[in-house]
Amino acid sequence: MKVNTSEVAARGMKISDFQTKDVINITDGKRLGQISDLELDLKQGRIEAIVVPGYSRFMGLFGGGTDLVIPWRNIVKIGSDVILVKMDEVKENTYDERDREARLYDEQQHNRTERVERIERSERNQRRTI
């Protein structure tokens, strides 16, 4: 069963509602934690992933500062108390990796903005010469 973003919106769910639910992996039955953040696609207006903080395969004894990023497509069911996900292989993202991805995204956005501004300047200059 696939969870549709619009279904969640139709139910009137808030971010704070997500943060109180436990995330359970149905593959192995393990509790992964609670949601700390959401990754959003602002252009498409949808949730890309949920983020569970401080996840470690070794009960928090080894490692720290890692996030478990769970793609939205891996959510099986959103219940009143839990969110069921299907994760065959658990992939952790460190803060450094996420920061690098954010910087890359910001740089791409900046480059797009500069290109649009150059085009607009060129069009204004062409109109002046006519």
N, C-alpha and C. Protein backbone atom coordinates (compact mmCIF):
# COMPACT_ATOMS: atom_id res chain seq x y z
N MET A 1 0.84 -1.18 0.00
CA MET A 1 0.00 0.00 0.00
C MET A 1 0.88 1.24 0.00
N LYS A 2 0.58 2.15 -0.87
CA LYS A 2 1.37 3.38 -1.00
C LYS A 2 0.62 4.52 -0.31
N VAL A 3 1.35 5.29 0.50
CA VAL A 3 0.75 6.43 1.18
C VAL A 3 0.86 7.64 0.28
N ASN A 4 -0.27 8.29 0.03
CA ASN A 4 -0.32 9.44 -0.85
C ASN A 4 -0.21 10.72 -0.01
N THR A 5 0.63 11.66 -0.44
CA THR A 5 0.81 12.91 0.29
C THR A 5 -0.50 13.67 0.40
N SER A 6 -1.30 13.66 -0.65
CA SER A 6 -2.57 14.39 -0.62
C SER A 6 -3.53 13.77 0.38
N GLU A 7 -3.46 12.45 0.60
CA GLU A 7 -4.31 11.81 1.62
C GLU A 7 -3.95 12.33 3.00
N VAL A 8 -2.65 12.48 3.25
CA VAL A 8 -2.20 12.99 4.54
C VAL A 8 -2.69 14.41 4.73
N ALA A 9 -2.59 15.22 3.68
CA ALA A 9 -3.05 16.61 3.75
C ALA A 9 -4.56 16.67 3.97
N ALA A 10 -5.29 15.77 3.32
CA ALA A 10 -6.74 15.75 3.46
C ALA A 10 -7.16 15.42 4.88
N ARG A 11 -6.37 14.63 5.58
CA ARG A 11 -6.67 14.30 6.97
C ARG A 11 -6.32 15.44 7.91
N GLY A 12 -5.65 16.46 7.40
CA GLY A 12 -5.30 17.60 8.23
C GLY A 12 -4.17 17.30 9.20
N MET A 13 -3.24 16.47 8.82
CA MET A 13 -2.13 16.11 9.69
C MET A 13 -1.10 17.23 9.74
N LYS A 14 -0.60 17.51 10.92
CA LYS A 14 0.41 18.55 11.12
C LYS A 14 1.76 17.90 11.34
N ILE A 15 2.82 18.69 11.20
CA ILE A 15 4.17 18.18 11.46
C ILE A 15 4.27 17.67 12.89
N SER A 16 3.65 18.38 13.81
CA SER A 16 3.70 17.96 15.21
C SER A 16 3.03 16.60 15.41
N ASP A 17 2.03 16.27 14.57
CA ASP A 17 1.41 14.94 14.64
C ASP A 17 2.40 13.85 14.26
N PHE A 18 3.23 14.15 13.25
CA PHE A 18 4.25 13.19 12.83
C PHE A 18 5.27 12.96 13.95
N GLN A 19 5.66 14.02 14.64
CA GLN A 19 6.74 13.94 15.61
C GLN A 19 6.40 13.13 16.85
N THR A 20 5.14 12.84 17.07
CA THR A 20 4.75 12.06 18.25
C THR A 20 4.60 10.57 17.94
N LYS A 21 4.73 10.21 16.70
CA LYS A 21 4.54 8.80 16.30
C LYS A 21 5.88 8.05 16.27
N ASP A 22 5.84 6.80 16.70
CA ASP A 22 7.00 5.93 16.59
C ASP A 22 7.08 5.41 15.16
N VAL A 23 8.30 5.29 14.65
CA VAL A 23 8.53 4.74 13.31
C VAL A 23 9.00 3.30 13.48
N ILE A 24 8.28 2.37 12.88
CA ILE A 24 8.57 0.94 12.99
C ILE A 24 8.89 0.38 11.62
N ASN A 25 10.00 -0.38 11.53
CA ASN A 25 10.37 -1.05 10.29
C ASN A 25 9.67 -2.41 10.26
N ILE A 26 8.77 -2.61 9.28
CA ILE A 26 8.03 -3.87 9.23
C ILE A 26 8.90 -5.03 8.76
N THR A 27 10.05 -4.73 8.17
CA THR A 27 10.93 -5.79 7.71
C THR A 27 11.50 -6.61 8.86
N ASP A 28 11.92 -5.91 9.94
CA ASP A 28 12.49 -6.61 11.08
C ASP A 28 11.78 -6.31 12.40
N GLY A 29 10.73 -5.48 12.37
CA GLY A 29 9.96 -5.18 13.58
C GLY A 29 10.63 -4.20 14.53
N LYS A 30 11.74 -3.61 14.14
CA LYS A 30 12.46 -2.71 15.04
C LYS A 30 11.85 -1.32 15.07
N ARG A 31 11.89 -0.73 16.26
CA ARG A 31 11.49 0.66 16.43
C ARG A 31 12.69 1.52 16.02
N LEU A 32 12.49 2.41 15.07
CA LEU A 32 13.58 3.23 14.57
C LEU A 32 13.68 4.56 15.30
N GLY A 33 12.62 4.98 15.95
CA GLY A 33 12.61 6.25 16.68
C GLY A 33 11.41 7.08 16.29
N GLN A 34 11.49 8.37 16.57
CA GLN A 34 10.42 9.29 16.21
C GLN A 34 10.94 10.30 15.20
N ILE A 35 10.06 10.84 14.41
CA ILE A 35 10.43 11.78 13.35
C ILE A 35 10.89 13.10 13.95
N SER A 36 12.02 13.58 13.46
CA SER A 36 12.51 14.88 13.90
C SER A 36 12.37 15.93 12.81
N ASP A 37 12.29 15.48 11.56
CA ASP A 37 12.29 16.44 10.46
C ASP A 37 11.65 15.80 9.24
N LEU A 38 11.30 16.64 8.29
CA LEU A 38 10.78 16.20 7.00
C LEU A 38 11.63 16.82 5.91
N GLU A 39 11.87 16.09 4.84
CA GLU A 39 12.52 16.64 3.66
C GLU A 39 11.42 16.93 2.65
N LEU A 40 11.39 18.17 2.19
CA LEU A 40 10.32 18.62 1.32
C LEU A 40 10.82 18.94 -0.08
N ASP A 41 9.98 18.69 -1.06
CA ASP A 41 10.21 19.15 -2.43
C ASP A 41 9.30 20.35 -2.60
N LEU A 42 9.87 21.54 -2.47
CA LEU A 42 9.06 22.76 -2.49
C LEU A 42 8.46 23.04 -3.87
N LYS A 43 9.16 22.63 -4.93
CA LYS A 43 8.62 22.84 -6.27
C LYS A 43 7.37 22.01 -6.49
N GLN A 44 7.41 20.75 -6.08
CA GLN A 44 6.29 19.84 -6.28
C GLN A 44 5.27 19.92 -5.15
N GLY A 45 5.65 20.52 -4.02
CA GLY A 45 4.75 20.64 -2.88
C GLY A 45 4.46 19.31 -2.22
N ARG A 46 5.52 18.51 -2.03
CA ARG A 46 5.29 17.20 -1.41
C ARG A 46 6.43 16.83 -0.47
N ILE A 47 6.14 15.86 0.37
CA ILE A 47 7.13 15.35 1.30
C ILE A 47 7.98 14.32 0.57
N GLU A 48 9.30 14.51 0.61
CA GLU A 48 10.22 13.56 -0.04
C GLU A 48 10.63 12.45 0.92
N ALA A 49 10.84 12.80 2.20
CA ALA A 49 11.34 11.81 3.15
C ALA A 49 11.03 12.27 4.57
N ILE A 50 11.05 11.30 5.49
CA ILE A 50 10.99 11.61 6.91
C ILE A 50 12.37 11.34 7.48
N VAL A 51 12.72 12.05 8.55
CA VAL A 51 14.05 11.93 9.14
C VAL A 51 13.91 11.51 10.60
N VAL A 52 14.61 10.43 10.95
CA VAL A 52 14.66 9.95 12.33
C VAL A 52 16.07 10.21 12.84
N PRO A 53 16.21 10.96 13.94
CA PRO A 53 17.56 11.35 14.39
C PRO A 53 18.27 10.29 15.21
N GLY A 54 19.59 10.41 15.23
CA GLY A 54 20.43 9.62 16.14
C GLY A 54 20.28 8.13 16.02
N TYR A 55 19.92 7.65 14.85
CA TYR A 55 19.76 6.22 14.66
C TYR A 55 21.11 5.52 14.62
N SER A 56 21.21 4.38 15.27
CA SER A 56 22.42 3.57 15.20
C SER A 56 22.02 2.11 15.24
N ARG A 57 22.72 1.29 14.49
CA ARG A 57 22.40 -0.14 14.49
C ARG A 57 22.76 -0.80 15.82
N PHE A 58 23.58 -0.12 16.60
CA PHE A 58 24.06 -0.73 17.83
C PHE A 58 23.49 -0.04 19.07
N MET A 59 22.19 0.21 19.06
CA MET A 59 21.47 0.74 20.21
C MET A 59 22.06 2.04 20.72
N GLY A 60 22.61 2.85 19.85
CA GLY A 60 23.12 4.15 20.23
C GLY A 60 24.48 4.13 20.89
N LEU A 61 25.13 2.96 21.00
CA LEU A 61 26.42 2.89 21.67
C LEU A 61 27.56 3.38 20.79
N PHE A 62 27.45 3.14 19.49
CA PHE A 62 28.51 3.54 18.58
C PHE A 62 27.96 4.56 17.60
N GLY A 63 28.76 5.55 17.34
CA GLY A 63 28.34 6.56 16.38
C GLY A 63 27.37 7.53 17.01
N GLY A 64 27.20 8.59 16.37
CA GLY A 64 26.28 9.62 16.80
C GLY A 64 26.24 10.66 15.72
N GLY A 65 25.29 11.54 15.79
CA GLY A 65 25.19 12.56 14.77
C GLY A 65 24.80 12.02 13.42
N THR A 66 24.06 10.92 13.41
CA THR A 66 23.59 10.38 12.14
C THR A 66 22.07 10.45 12.10
N ASP A 67 21.56 10.63 10.92
CA ASP A 67 20.12 10.64 10.71
C ASP A 67 19.76 9.46 9.82
N LEU A 68 18.61 8.91 10.07
CA LEU A 68 18.05 7.90 9.18
C LEU A 68 17.03 8.63 8.31
N VAL A 69 17.31 8.71 7.03
CA VAL A 69 16.41 9.37 6.08
C VAL A 69 15.60 8.30 5.39
N ILE A 70 14.29 8.36 5.57
CA ILE A 70 13.39 7.33 5.03
C ILE A 70 12.56 7.96 3.91
N PRO A 71 12.79 7.53 2.67
CA PRO A 71 12.02 8.08 1.55
C PRO A 71 10.51 7.87 1.75
N TRP A 72 9.72 8.82 1.31
CA TRP A 72 8.27 8.76 1.47
C TRP A 72 7.70 7.48 0.85
N ARG A 73 8.29 7.02 -0.25
CA ARG A 73 7.78 5.81 -0.91
C ARG A 73 7.91 4.56 -0.04
N ASN A 74 8.75 4.63 1.02
CA ASN A 74 8.94 3.48 1.90
C ASN A 74 7.92 3.45 3.05
N ILE A 75 7.08 4.46 3.15
CA ILE A 75 6.04 4.45 4.18
C ILE A 75 4.91 3.56 3.73
N VAL A 76 4.58 2.59 4.58
CA VAL A 76 3.54 1.63 4.26
C VAL A 76 2.20 2.10 4.80
N LYS A 77 2.19 2.59 6.04
CA LYS A 77 0.94 2.98 6.69
C LYS A 77 1.23 4.01 7.76
N ILE A 78 0.37 5.02 7.85
CA ILE A 78 0.43 5.99 8.92
C ILE A 78 -0.77 5.73 9.82
N GLY A 79 -0.48 5.23 11.02
CA GLY A 79 -1.54 4.92 11.97
C GLY A 79 -1.69 6.02 13.00
N SER A 80 -2.56 5.81 13.97
CA SER A 80 -2.79 6.83 14.99
C SER A 80 -1.61 6.94 15.95
N ASP A 81 -0.85 5.85 16.15
CA ASP A 81 0.28 5.86 17.08
C ASP A 81 1.63 5.62 16.43
N VAL A 82 1.64 4.94 15.28
CA VAL A 82 2.90 4.57 14.65
C VAL A 82 2.88 4.84 13.15
N ILE A 83 4.08 4.91 12.60
CA ILE A 83 4.26 4.97 11.15
C ILE A 83 5.02 3.72 10.78
N LEU A 84 4.43 2.91 9.92
CA LEU A 84 5.07 1.68 9.48
C LEU A 84 5.83 1.94 8.19
N VAL A 85 7.10 1.54 8.18
CA VAL A 85 7.93 1.72 7.00
C VAL A 85 8.53 0.39 6.60
N LYS A 86 8.90 0.27 5.35
CA LYS A 86 9.57 -0.93 4.86
C LYS A 86 10.95 -0.54 4.40
N MET A 87 11.95 -0.94 5.19
CA MET A 87 13.35 -0.61 4.90
C MET A 87 14.14 -1.91 4.87
N ASP A 88 14.46 -2.39 3.66
CA ASP A 88 15.26 -3.60 3.55
C ASP A 88 16.69 -3.35 4.00
N GLU A 89 17.23 -2.20 3.59
CA GLU A 89 18.59 -1.84 3.97
C GLU A 89 18.54 -0.45 4.58
N VAL A 90 19.00 -0.35 5.80
CA VAL A 90 18.97 0.93 6.50
C VAL A 90 20.19 1.73 6.12
N LYS A 91 19.97 2.94 5.59
CA LYS A 91 21.07 3.82 5.18
C LYS A 91 21.06 5.05 6.06
N GLU A 92 22.20 5.32 6.66
CA GLU A 92 22.33 6.48 7.52
C GLU A 92 22.98 7.61 6.75
N ASN A 93 22.54 8.82 7.00
CA ASN A 93 23.18 10.02 6.46
C ASN A 93 23.76 10.81 7.61
N THR A 94 25.01 11.17 7.50
CA THR A 94 25.60 12.01 8.53
C THR A 94 25.20 13.45 8.27
N TYR A 95 25.34 14.29 9.29
CA TYR A 95 25.03 15.70 9.13
C TYR A 95 25.89 16.31 8.04
N ASP A 96 27.16 15.90 7.93
CA ASP A 96 28.05 16.44 6.91
C ASP A 96 27.52 16.16 5.51
N GLU A 97 27.01 14.94 5.28
CA GLU A 97 26.48 14.59 3.97
C GLU A 97 25.25 15.44 3.64
N ARG A 98 24.38 15.63 4.62
CA ARG A 98 23.17 16.42 4.39
C ARG A 98 23.53 17.88 4.17
N ASP A 99 24.52 18.39 4.91
CA ASP A 99 24.95 19.77 4.72
C ASP A 99 25.53 19.95 3.32
N ARG A 100 26.32 18.97 2.86
CA ARG A 100 26.89 19.04 1.52
C ARG A 100 25.78 19.06 0.47
N GLU A 101 24.78 18.21 0.66
CA GLU A 101 23.67 18.17 -0.28
C GLU A 101 22.91 19.49 -0.29
N ALA A 102 22.73 20.08 0.88
CA ALA A 102 22.02 21.36 0.97
C ALA A 102 22.82 22.47 0.30
N ARG A 103 24.15 22.48 0.51
CA ARG A 103 24.99 23.50 -0.13
C ARG A 103 24.95 23.35 -1.65
N LEU A 104 24.99 22.11 -2.14
CA LEU A 104 24.93 21.87 -3.57
C LEU A 104 23.60 22.37 -4.14
N TYR A 105 22.51 22.09 -3.44
CA TYR A 105 21.20 22.56 -3.88
C TYR A 105 21.15 24.08 -3.91
N ASP A 106 21.67 24.73 -2.85
CA ASP A 106 21.69 26.19 -2.79
C ASP A 106 22.51 26.77 -3.94
N GLU A 107 23.63 26.14 -4.24
CA GLU A 107 24.49 26.61 -5.33
C GLU A 107 23.77 26.49 -6.67
N GLN A 108 23.06 25.39 -6.88
CA GLN A 108 22.31 25.22 -8.13
C GLN A 108 21.22 26.27 -8.25
N GLN A 109 20.53 26.56 -7.15
CA GLN A 109 19.49 27.58 -7.16
C GLN A 109 20.08 28.95 -7.47
N HIS A 110 21.23 29.24 -6.87
CA HIS A 110 21.91 30.52 -7.11
C HIS A 110 22.29 30.66 -8.59
N ASN A 111 22.83 29.58 -9.16
CA ASN A 111 23.22 29.60 -10.58
C ASN A 111 22.01 29.82 -11.47
N ARG A 112 20.88 29.20 -11.14
CA ARG A 112 19.66 29.39 -11.94
C ARG A 112 19.20 30.84 -11.86
N THR A 113 19.25 31.40 -10.66
CA THR A 113 18.83 32.79 -10.46
C THR A 113 19.71 33.73 -11.27
N GLU A 114 21.02 33.49 -11.26
CA GLU A 114 21.94 34.33 -12.05
C GLU A 114 21.64 34.23 -13.53
N ARG A 115 21.34 33.02 -14.02
CA ARG A 115 21.03 32.85 -15.45
C ARG A 115 19.76 33.62 -15.82
N VAL A 116 18.75 33.54 -14.98
CA VAL A 116 17.50 34.25 -15.24
C VAL A 116 17.73 35.75 -15.25
N GLU A 117 18.52 36.24 -14.30
CA GLU A 117 18.82 37.68 -14.26
C GLU A 117 19.57 38.13 -15.50
N ARG A 118 20.53 37.32 -15.97
CA ARG A 118 21.28 37.66 -17.20
C ARG A 118 20.34 37.74 -18.40
N ILE A 119 19.44 36.78 -18.50
CA ILE A 119 18.49 36.76 -19.62
C ILE A 119 17.60 38.00 -19.56
N GLU A 120 17.11 38.32 -18.37
CA GLU A 120 16.24 39.49 -18.23
C GLU A 120 16.98 40.78 -18.59
N ARG A 121 18.25 40.90 -18.16
CA ARG A 121 19.05 42.08 -18.52
C ARG A 121 19.23 42.17 -20.02
N SER A 122 19.52 41.03 -20.64
CA SER A 122 19.72 40.99 -22.09
C SER A 122 18.44 41.42 -22.81
N GLU A 123 17.30 40.94 -22.36
CA GLU A 123 16.03 41.30 -22.99
C GLU A 123 15.75 42.79 -22.82
N ARG A 124 16.04 43.34 -21.63
CA ARG A 124 15.84 44.78 -21.41
C ARG A 124 16.74 45.60 -22.34
N ASN A 125 17.99 45.18 -22.48
CA ASN A 125 18.93 45.88 -23.36
C ASN A 125 18.48 45.83 -24.81
N GLN A 126 17.94 44.69 -25.23
CA GLN A 126 17.46 44.57 -26.60
C GLN A 126 16.26 45.48 -26.85
N ARG A 127 15.38 45.61 -25.85
CA ARG A 127 14.22 46.49 -26.00
C ARG A 127 14.65 47.95 -26.09
N ARG A 128 15.70 48.31 -25.37
CA ARG A 128 16.18 49.70 -25.40
C ARG A 128 16.77 50.06 -26.77
N THR A 129 17.40 49.10 -27.42
CA THR A 129 18.04 49.38 -28.70
C THR A 129 17.04 49.40 -29.86
N ILE A 130 15.85 48.93 -29.63
CA ILE A 130 14.84 48.90 -30.72
C ILE A 130 14.17 50.23 -30.85
